[in-house]
Amino acid sequence: MTSPVHDVAVIGAGPVGAPRAALLTTLGLSVGVPERATDVYPLPRSAHLAAATLGNLPDIGAWSVS
């Protein structure tokens, strides 16, 4: 049996998949994210961020808390 290419597959790089993949990489995992869209979605997808989401942003290097 051959070794897997990635430790985890997150299907889709949408508003849930992309942060999930980023957080998994902070755990040292190799993450593959197949995405069928070939471009960034042109319209906003959310109106707010939950407190739990804000707490995760520094972990993936997307936000700096001063």
C-alpha atoms as a PDB file:
ATOM      1  CA  MET A   1       0.000   0.000   0.000  1.00  0.00           C
ATOM      2  CA  THR A   2       1.287   3.470  -0.872  1.00  0.00           C
ATOM      3  CA  SER A   3       1.406   6.467   1.437  1.00  0.00           C
ATOM      4  CA  PRO A   4      -1.373   9.046   1.074  1.00  0.00           C
ATOM      5  CA  VAL A   5      -0.531  12.339  -0.614  1.00  0.00           C
ATOM      6  CA  HIS A   6      -2.247  14.284   2.200  1.00  0.00           C
ATOM      7  CA  ASP A   7      -3.252  13.516   5.760  1.00  0.00           C
ATOM      8  CA  VAL A   8      -6.673  15.174   5.362  1.00  0.00           C
ATOM      9  CA  ALA A   9      -8.920  16.155   2.464  1.00  0.00           C
ATOM     10  CA  VAL A  10     -11.219  19.141   2.973  1.00  0.00           C
ATOM     11  CA  ILE A  11     -13.714  19.204   0.121  1.00  0.00           C
ATOM     12  CA  GLY A  12     -14.297  22.756  -1.071  1.00  0.00           C
ATOM     13  CA  ALA A  13     -12.528  26.003  -0.218  1.00  0.00           C
ATOM     14  CA  GLY A  14     -15.622  27.954   0.763  1.00  0.00           C
ATOM     15  CA  PRO A  15     -16.223  29.952   3.938  1.00  0.00           C
ATOM     16  CA  VAL A  16     -15.998  26.777   6.058  1.00  0.00           C
ATOM     17  CA  GLY A  17     -13.487  24.685   4.119  1.00  0.00           C
ATOM     18  CA  ALA A  18     -10.721  27.273   3.717  1.00  0.00           C
ATOM     19  CA  PRO A  19     -10.435  28.181   7.431  1.00  0.00           C
ATOM     20  CA  ARG A  20     -10.795  24.522   8.400  1.00  0.00           C
ATOM     21  CA  ALA A  21      -7.896  23.601   6.124  1.00  0.00           C
ATOM     22  CA  ALA A  22      -5.797  26.468   7.501  1.00  0.00           C
ATOM     23  CA  LEU A  23      -6.424  25.370  11.097  1.00  0.00           C
ATOM     24  CA  LEU A  24      -5.528  21.757  10.270  1.00  0.00           C
ATOM     25  CA  THR A  25      -2.192  22.875   8.848  1.00  0.00           C
ATOM     26  CA  THR A  26      -1.398  24.565  12.184  1.00  0.00           C
ATOM     27  CA  LEU A  27      -1.581  21.059  13.673  1.00  0.00           C
ATOM     28  CA  GLY A  28       1.146  19.917  11.289  1.00  0.00           C
ATOM     29  CA  LEU A  29      -1.163  18.030   8.945  1.00  0.00           C
ATOM     30  CA  SER A  30      -0.834  17.953   5.183  1.00  0.00           C
ATOM     31  CA  VAL A  31      -4.188  19.131   3.783  1.00  0.00           C
ATOM     32  CA  GLY A  32      -5.555  18.814   0.253  1.00  0.00           C
ATOM     33  CA  VAL A  33      -8.459  21.070  -0.747  1.00  0.00           C
ATOM     34  CA  PRO A  34     -10.066  20.197  -4.088  1.00  0.00           C
ATOM     35  CA  GLU A  35     -12.267  23.037  -5.346  1.00  0.00           C
ATOM     36  CA  ARG A  36     -14.426  23.023  -8.467  1.00  0.00           C
ATOM     37  CA  ALA A  37     -14.633  26.817  -8.813  1.00  0.00           C
ATOM     38  CA  THR A  38     -11.872  28.328 -10.921  1.00  0.00           C
ATOM     39  CA  ASP A  39     -12.293  31.903  -9.639  1.00  0.00           C
ATOM     40  CA  VAL A  40     -13.146  33.737  -6.425  1.00  0.00           C
ATOM     41  CA  TYR A  41     -16.910  34.034  -5.836  1.00  0.00           C
ATOM     42  CA  PRO A  42     -17.797  37.624  -6.802  1.00  0.00           C
ATOM     43  CA  LEU A  43     -20.371  38.360  -4.077  1.00  0.00           C
ATOM     44  CA  PRO A  44     -20.104  38.500  -0.262  1.00  0.00           C
ATOM     45  CA  ARG A  45     -21.029  35.282   1.521  1.00  0.00           C
ATOM     46  CA  SER A  46     -21.402  36.385   5.108  1.00  0.00           C
ATOM     47  CA  ALA A  47     -22.586  39.409   7.028  1.00  0.00           C
ATOM     48  CA  HIS A  48     -20.712  38.827  10.283  1.00  0.00           C
ATOM     49  CA  LEU A  49     -18.092  36.717  12.016  1.00  0.00           C
ATOM     50  CA  ALA A  50     -18.904  34.700  15.107  1.00  0.00           C
ATOM     51  CA  ALA A  51     -16.795  35.206  18.230  1.00  0.00           C
ATOM     52  CA  ALA A  52     -15.366  31.694  17.832  1.00  0.00           C
ATOM     53  CA  THR A  53     -14.255  32.534  14.289  1.00  0.00           C
ATOM     54  CA  LEU A  54     -12.526  35.714  15.458  1.00  0.00           C
ATOM     55  CA  GLY A  55     -10.700  33.646  18.060  1.00  0.00           C
ATOM     56  CA  ASN A  56      -9.347  31.312  15.349  1.00  0.00           C
ATOM     57  CA  LEU A  57      -7.989  34.004  13.035  1.00  0.00           C
ATOM     58  CA  PRO A  58      -4.756  34.616  14.998  1.00  0.00           C
ATOM     59  CA  ASP A  59      -4.067  30.841  14.946  1.00  0.00           C
ATOM     60  CA  ILE A  60      -3.855  30.833  11.147  1.00  0.00           C
ATOM     61  CA  GLY A  61      -1.958  34.110  10.902  1.00  0.00           C
ATOM     62  CA  ALA A  62      -4.888  35.981   9.380  1.00  0.00           C
ATOM     63  CA  TRP A  63      -5.345  38.474  12.198  1.00  0.00           C
ATOM     64  CA  SER A  64      -3.102  40.047  14.778  1.00  0.00           C
ATOM     65  CA  VAL A  65      -4.515  40.865  18.188  1.00  0.00           C
ATOM     66  CA  SER A  66      -2.815  43.867  19.785  1.00  0.00           C
END
